[in-house]
Amino acid sequence: MKIIIYILLIIVPNFLFAQNYLDYYQGINNGKTSALNNNVEESMNSYFSTFEKFEFVFARDCYNAIELAVFNNDSLKADYFIKRGIKQGLKLNQILKIKNISKFQNSSFLNKISNEKDSLENFYTSSINWKLRNEIIKMFQDDQAIREKYYKAILFKRMRIGRKWEELNKEQVERLIEITKNYGFPGEKLIGIDTEKMHPKALNAKISAGMPILILIHHYSKPNKSYDSLLFEQIKTGNLYNEHFATICDFEAKFGKNKYETYGSFAFKHFPKIIDENEINSKRKEISLLSISEYKNLNSVKSITRFWNHLF
């Protein structure tokens, strides 16, 4: 009996307090929409309160939060967000390029962060599964190498290279699914953000873990078996970015020819020919993704970088 109680004491708290990243996305959404309405203070506080609740946060969101703190001339929040950003993979030299951050150039908090930079970066590097990260890099390199061969080849050779590319892609996607089942989806939480050192196409400024997403996009550029139900659950854990899930689904919907059952379009990267905006927005709400009109309006916001327009 004592053993059962002991097990329950361990399991129940973990179950009760498991972090649902749909709540995380909603907090970030509130920050974005407040920025859209020029309520920078409220926006900044939404980012802060959300970050305080979650152990892992996305580097892009850290970057946007830093922009807001700088815009609002809030050194206390800037200090917090910069430290959080470096712990999530942002580089200090990257942060120091943010517009108007030079106003804090000689501040004591920024000098202190500079001195603590190595320990903050170590927090990030120690949080990554480097074995899986290196495997994903190799996958992406192989994908891009055969892609380059395909588009450089003359027409009659393209068919043969194309078949090899499909075979490679199928193997890679099966491996991604195997990784997901064993470790969780290999997104930013698990493998960190892509950098130019990993591949020239992985631009540092895009602050993303897009390599496995691009492999899946290639896979779903034609009809293929869907793994939506498995991937949907990964959104809740923070392993799969909700915008990345929507992107995958959009490719499935556009090029799948209705051969496999999928979640359908989120109208995030591809708009269907006939669109029921209410239906799409209802689906978006399921994964805490902003509505079509909210994203459209967000493109006019000037206080934060519009990362949602880019995979890489």
Protein backbone atom coordinates (compact mmCIF):
# COMPACT_ATOMS: atom_id res chain seq x y z
CA MET A 1 0.00 0.00 0.00
CA LYS A 2 2.81 2.39 0.89
CA ILE A 3 4.45 1.69 -2.47
CA ILE A 4 1.22 2.56 -4.33
CA ILE A 5 0.88 5.83 -2.41
CA TYR A 6 4.51 6.69 -3.14
CA ILE A 7 4.00 6.07 -6.87
CA LEU A 8 0.86 8.22 -6.87
CA LEU A 9 2.72 11.04 -5.14
CA ILE A 10 5.21 11.03 -8.00
CA ILE A 11 2.83 10.51 -10.93
CA VAL A 12 -0.17 12.64 -9.96
CA PRO A 13 1.66 15.99 -9.55
CA ASN A 14 3.42 15.47 -12.89
CA PHE A 15 0.10 14.70 -14.53
CA LEU A 16 -1.69 17.64 -12.94
CA PHE A 17 1.00 20.17 -13.74
CA ALA A 18 2.00 18.93 -17.20
CA GLN A 19 2.48 22.01 -19.34
CA ASN A 20 0.02 22.34 -22.20
CA TYR A 21 1.60 24.44 -24.92
CA LEU A 22 -1.77 25.41 -26.34
CA ASP A 23 -1.84 27.75 -23.32
CA TYR A 24 1.66 28.95 -24.19
CA TYR A 25 0.65 29.84 -27.75
CA GLN A 26 -2.43 31.63 -26.47
CA GLY A 27 -0.29 33.77 -24.19
CA ILE A 28 2.02 34.66 -27.08
CA ASN A 29 -0.99 35.36 -29.30
CA ASN A 30 -2.25 37.84 -26.71
CA GLY A 31 1.14 39.51 -26.84
CA LYS A 32 1.06 39.77 -30.63
CA THR A 33 -2.48 41.15 -30.81
CA SER A 34 -1.69 43.69 -28.10
CA ALA A 35 1.32 44.80 -30.16
CA LEU A 36 -0.98 45.12 -33.15
CA ASN A 37 -3.18 47.45 -31.11
CA ASN A 38 -0.10 49.48 -30.12
CA ASN A 39 -0.47 48.44 -26.49
CA VAL A 40 3.22 47.66 -26.05
CA GLU A 41 3.08 47.50 -22.24
CA GLU A 42 0.30 44.90 -22.29
CA SER A 43 2.04 43.00 -25.09
CA MET A 44 5.32 42.87 -23.19
CA ASN A 45 3.55 41.70 -20.03
CA SER A 46 1.82 38.89 -21.95
CA TYR A 47 5.20 37.59 -23.09
CA PHE A 48 6.61 37.90 -19.58
CA SER A 49 3.74 36.14 -17.82
CA THR A 50 3.79 33.35 -20.43
CA PHE A 51 7.56 32.86 -20.15
CA GLU A 52 7.27 32.66 -16.37
CA LYS A 53 4.92 29.68 -16.68
CA PHE A 54 6.96 27.59 -19.11
CA GLU A 55 10.41 26.07 -18.80
CA PHE A 56 10.94 25.98 -22.57
CA VAL A 57 10.00 28.96 -24.75
CA PHE A 58 10.62 29.52 -28.44
CA ALA A 59 13.60 31.65 -29.45
CA ARG A 60 11.55 33.68 -31.91
CA ASP A 61 9.23 34.70 -29.11
CA CYS A 62 12.22 35.73 -27.00
CA TYR A 63 13.45 37.92 -29.84
CA ASN A 64 10.04 39.59 -30.19
CA ALA A 65 9.85 40.11 -26.43
CA ILE A 66 13.28 41.79 -26.44
CA GLU A 67 12.11 44.07 -29.27
CA LEU A 68 9.08 45.10 -27.20
CA ALA A 69 11.14 45.80 -24.08
CA VAL A 70 13.59 47.92 -26.07
CA PHE A 71 10.73 49.72 -27.83
CA ASN A 72 9.18 50.43 -24.41
CA ASN A 73 12.52 51.47 -22.89
CA ASP A 74 12.08 48.89 -20.12
CA SER A 75 15.53 47.84 -18.93
CA LEU A 76 14.22 45.33 -16.33
CA LYS A 77 12.18 43.40 -18.89
CA ALA A 78 14.96 43.72 -21.46
CA ASP A 79 17.36 42.14 -18.97
CA TYR A 80 14.96 39.24 -18.34
CA PHE A 81 14.10 38.65 -22.01
CA ILE A 82 17.72 38.83 -23.22
CA LYS A 83 18.84 36.26 -20.65
CA ARG A 84 15.91 34.04 -21.57
CA GLY A 85 16.70 34.44 -25.25
CA ILE A 86 20.35 33.41 -24.89
CA LYS A 87 19.24 30.38 -22.87
CA GLN A 88 17.03 29.47 -25.86
CA GLY A 89 19.77 29.80 -28.48
CA LEU A 90 19.92 33.49 -29.40
CA LYS A 91 23.41 34.93 -29.71
CA LEU A 92 24.27 38.16 -27.89
CA ASN A 93 25.75 39.70 -31.06
CA GLN A 94 22.46 38.89 -32.79
CA ILE A 95 20.47 40.56 -30.01
CA LEU A 96 22.69 43.66 -30.10
CA LYS A 97 21.56 44.27 -33.70
CA ILE A 98 17.96 44.82 -32.59
CA LYS A 99 16.72 48.27 -33.50
CA ASN A 100 17.38 50.93 -30.82
CA ILE A 101 19.03 48.50 -28.39
CA SER A 102 22.07 50.78 -28.54
CA LYS A 103 20.28 52.98 -25.96
CA PHE A 104 21.30 50.33 -23.40
CA GLN A 105 24.84 50.05 -24.73
CA ASN A 106 26.60 51.13 -21.51
CA SER A 107 24.01 49.83 -19.07
CA SER A 108 25.15 47.73 -16.12
CA PHE A 109 22.66 44.93 -16.87
CA LEU A 110 23.93 44.51 -20.43
CA ASN A 111 27.54 44.45 -19.26
CA LYS A 112 26.59 41.82 -16.68
CA ILE A 113 24.87 39.72 -19.36
CA SER A 114 28.01 39.95 -21.48
CA ASN A 115 30.01 38.53 -18.58
CA GLU A 116 27.44 35.75 -18.01
CA LYS A 117 27.08 34.94 -21.71
CA ASP A 118 29.03 31.68 -21.64
CA SER A 119 27.01 30.18 -18.79
CA LEU A 120 23.73 31.25 -20.43
CA GLU A 121 24.81 29.67 -23.72
CA ASN A 122 25.82 26.50 -21.87
CA PHE A 123 22.28 26.19 -20.57
CA TYR A 124 21.10 26.09 -24.20
CA THR A 125 23.70 23.67 -25.52
CA SER A 126 23.15 21.26 -22.61
CA SER A 127 19.39 21.21 -23.26
CA ILE A 128 19.76 19.89 -26.82
CA ASN A 129 19.84 16.26 -27.88
CA TRP A 130 22.96 16.61 -30.05
CA LYS A 131 22.84 13.06 -31.33
CA LEU A 132 19.41 13.73 -32.85
CA ARG A 133 20.39 17.24 -33.94
CA ASN A 134 23.35 15.88 -35.91
CA GLU A 135 21.14 13.20 -37.43
CA ILE A 136 18.63 15.85 -38.57
CA ILE A 137 21.44 17.96 -40.04
CA LYS A 138 22.64 14.93 -42.02
CA MET A 139 19.09 14.27 -43.24
CA PHE A 140 18.75 17.87 -44.38
CA GLN A 141 22.14 17.88 -46.09
CA ASP A 142 21.23 14.69 -47.99
CA ASP A 143 17.85 16.12 -48.94
CA GLN A 144 19.34 19.36 -50.23
CA ALA A 145 22.16 17.58 -52.10
CA ILE A 146 19.79 15.39 -54.09
CA ARG A 147 17.42 18.31 -54.61
CA GLU A 148 20.26 20.29 -56.16
CA LYS A 149 21.17 17.36 -58.43
CA TYR A 150 17.54 17.06 -59.50
CA TYR A 151 17.13 20.68 -60.54
CA LYS A 152 20.51 20.82 -62.27
CA ALA A 153 19.97 17.61 -64.25
CA ILE A 154 18.79 17.50 -67.84
CA LEU A 155 15.25 16.24 -68.36
CA PHE A 156 15.85 12.51 -69.01
CA LYS A 157 18.07 12.22 -65.90
CA ARG A 158 15.58 13.99 -63.69
CA MET A 159 13.20 11.04 -63.59
CA ARG A 160 15.88 8.71 -62.22
CA ILE A 161 17.11 11.27 -59.68
CA GLY A 162 13.52 12.08 -58.77
CA ARG A 163 12.83 8.43 -57.91
CA LYS A 164 15.93 8.33 -55.71
CA TRP A 165 14.82 11.54 -54.02
CA GLU A 166 11.39 10.03 -53.30
CA GLU A 167 13.00 6.89 -51.85
CA LEU A 168 15.32 8.97 -49.66
CA ASN A 169 12.46 11.21 -48.55
CA LYS A 170 10.28 8.22 -47.64
CA GLU A 171 13.08 6.75 -45.50
CA GLN A 172 13.70 10.11 -43.84
CA VAL A 173 10.03 10.68 -42.98
CA GLU A 174 9.75 7.17 -41.54
CA ARG A 175 12.77 7.96 -39.39
CA LEU A 176 11.24 11.29 -38.27
CA ILE A 177 8.11 9.43 -37.20
CA GLU A 178 10.21 6.85 -35.36
CA ILE A 179 12.07 9.65 -33.55
CA THR A 180 8.74 11.30 -32.69
CA LYS A 181 7.37 8.11 -31.17
CA ASN A 182 10.52 7.50 -29.12
CA TYR A 183 11.63 11.01 -28.14
CA GLY A 184 9.02 13.49 -29.31
CA PHE A 185 9.03 15.49 -32.53
CA PRO A 186 12.55 16.80 -33.30
CA GLY A 187 11.63 20.47 -33.22
CA GLU A 188 13.26 23.40 -31.46
CA LYS A 189 12.57 22.08 -27.96
CA LEU A 190 14.49 18.89 -28.67
CA ILE A 191 17.19 19.89 -31.19
CA GLY A 192 17.47 23.67 -30.89
CA ILE A 193 17.45 26.21 -33.72
CA ASP A 194 19.06 25.86 -37.15
CA THR A 195 22.17 27.91 -37.90
CA GLU A 196 24.21 28.74 -40.98
CA LYS A 197 27.05 26.61 -39.58
CA MET A 198 24.76 23.60 -39.95
CA HIS A 199 23.75 24.44 -43.52
CA PRO A 200 24.04 27.62 -45.68
CA LYS A 201 20.26 27.68 -46.22
CA ALA A 202 19.57 27.77 -42.48
CA LEU A 203 19.83 31.52 -42.00
CA ASN A 204 20.57 32.66 -38.44
CA ALA A 205 18.16 35.57 -38.74
CA LYS A 206 15.15 33.27 -39.25
CA ILE A 207 15.54 31.66 -35.78
CA SER A 208 13.79 28.39 -36.56
CA ALA A 209 14.04 24.60 -36.38
CA GLY A 210 12.83 24.16 -39.92
CA MET A 211 14.96 21.27 -41.23
CA PRO A 212 12.55 18.43 -40.40
CA ILE A 213 9.62 20.57 -41.54
CA LEU A 214 11.14 21.06 -44.99
CA ILE A 215 11.68 17.30 -45.31
CA LEU A 216 7.99 16.78 -44.47
CA ILE A 217 6.97 19.50 -46.93
CA HIS A 218 8.85 17.69 -49.70
CA HIS A 219 7.09 14.48 -48.67
CA TYR A 220 3.67 16.08 -48.86
CA SER A 221 4.25 17.83 -52.17
CA LYS A 222 2.45 14.74 -53.49
CA PRO A 223 -0.07 12.34 -51.90
CA ASN A 224 1.42 10.38 -49.00
CA LYS A 225 0.22 8.78 -45.79
CA SER A 226 -0.66 11.30 -43.11
CA TYR A 227 0.71 11.35 -39.57
CA ASP A 228 -1.46 14.27 -38.48
CA SER A 229 -2.95 12.58 -35.41
CA LEU A 230 0.52 11.83 -34.03
CA LEU A 231 1.87 15.28 -34.88
CA PHE A 232 -1.16 17.05 -33.42
CA GLU A 233 -0.34 15.68 -29.97
CA GLN A 234 3.20 17.04 -30.30
CA ILE A 235 1.85 20.60 -30.44
CA LYS A 236 0.53 20.24 -26.89
CA THR A 237 3.95 19.21 -25.56
CA GLY A 238 5.79 22.08 -27.24
CA ASN A 239 7.79 19.65 -29.38
CA LEU A 240 6.10 20.83 -32.59
CA TYR A 241 5.53 24.52 -33.27
CA ASN A 242 1.83 25.10 -34.08
CA GLU A 243 2.69 27.14 -37.19
CA HIS A 244 4.84 24.27 -38.44
CA PHE A 245 1.96 21.82 -37.98
CA ALA A 246 -0.33 24.15 -39.93
CA THR A 247 2.29 24.37 -42.70
CA ILE A 248 2.55 20.57 -43.00
CA CYS A 249 -1.24 20.24 -43.10
CA ASP A 250 -1.53 22.91 -45.79
CA PHE A 251 0.84 20.98 -48.07
CA GLU A 252 -1.08 17.77 -47.44
CA ALA A 253 -4.37 19.51 -48.29
CA LYS A 254 -3.05 21.22 -51.42
CA PHE A 255 -1.17 18.31 -52.98
CA GLY A 256 -2.78 15.26 -51.36
CA LYS A 257 -5.62 14.92 -53.93
CA ASN A 258 -7.86 13.65 -51.10
CA LYS A 259 -6.17 10.22 -51.20
CA TYR A 260 -5.54 10.17 -47.44
CA GLU A 261 -7.52 11.43 -44.48
CA THR A 262 -5.89 14.57 -43.05
CA TYR A 263 -6.69 17.54 -40.79
CA GLY A 264 -7.24 19.57 -43.94
CA SER A 265 -6.13 23.11 -44.65
CA PHE A 266 -5.34 25.79 -42.08
CA ALA A 267 -4.87 28.35 -44.88
CA PHE A 268 -1.55 29.31 -43.33
CA LYS A 269 0.91 28.71 -46.19
CA HIS A 270 -1.58 27.64 -48.88
CA PHE A 271 -5.10 28.97 -49.36
CA PRO A 272 -7.67 26.52 -50.81
CA LYS A 273 -9.59 27.66 -53.89
CA ILE A 274 -12.82 27.72 -51.92
CA ILE A 275 -12.44 28.85 -48.34
CA ASP A 276 -14.87 28.92 -45.43
CA GLU A 277 -13.12 31.42 -43.18
CA ASN A 278 -15.22 30.56 -40.13
CA GLU A 279 -14.39 26.88 -40.49
CA ILE A 280 -10.69 27.60 -40.96
CA ASN A 281 -10.59 29.91 -37.96
CA SER A 282 -12.35 27.29 -35.85
CA LYS A 283 -9.65 24.77 -36.79
CA ARG A 284 -6.94 27.31 -36.10
CA LYS A 285 -8.38 27.83 -32.63
CA GLU A 286 -7.84 24.11 -31.90
CA ILE A 287 -4.07 24.62 -32.19
CA SER A 288 -4.04 28.16 -30.72
CA LEU A 289 -3.23 29.72 -34.09
CA LEU A 290 -4.40 33.27 -34.74
CA SER A 291 -7.25 33.84 -37.20
CA ILE A 292 -6.75 34.67 -40.88
CA SER A 293 -7.62 38.34 -40.36
CA GLU A 294 -5.40 38.64 -37.27
CA TYR A 295 -2.35 37.37 -39.15
CA LYS A 296 -3.17 39.64 -42.07
CA ASN A 297 -3.41 42.64 -39.75
CA LEU A 298 -0.24 41.64 -37.90
CA ASN A 299 1.78 42.26 -41.04
CA SER A 300 1.37 45.97 -40.38
CA VAL A 301 2.85 45.80 -36.86
CA LYS A 302 6.20 47.57 -36.59
CA SER A 303 7.28 46.84 -33.01
CA ILE A 304 8.15 43.14 -33.62
CA THR A 305 9.76 41.08 -36.38
CA ARG A 306 7.19 39.17 -38.48
CA PHE A 307 8.68 35.69 -38.14
CA TRP A 308 5.36 34.03 -38.98
CA ASN A 309 5.96 34.81 -42.65
CA HIS A 310 9.05 32.58 -42.80
CA LEU A 311 9.81 28.89 -42.34
CA PHE A 312 13.54 29.58 -42.41
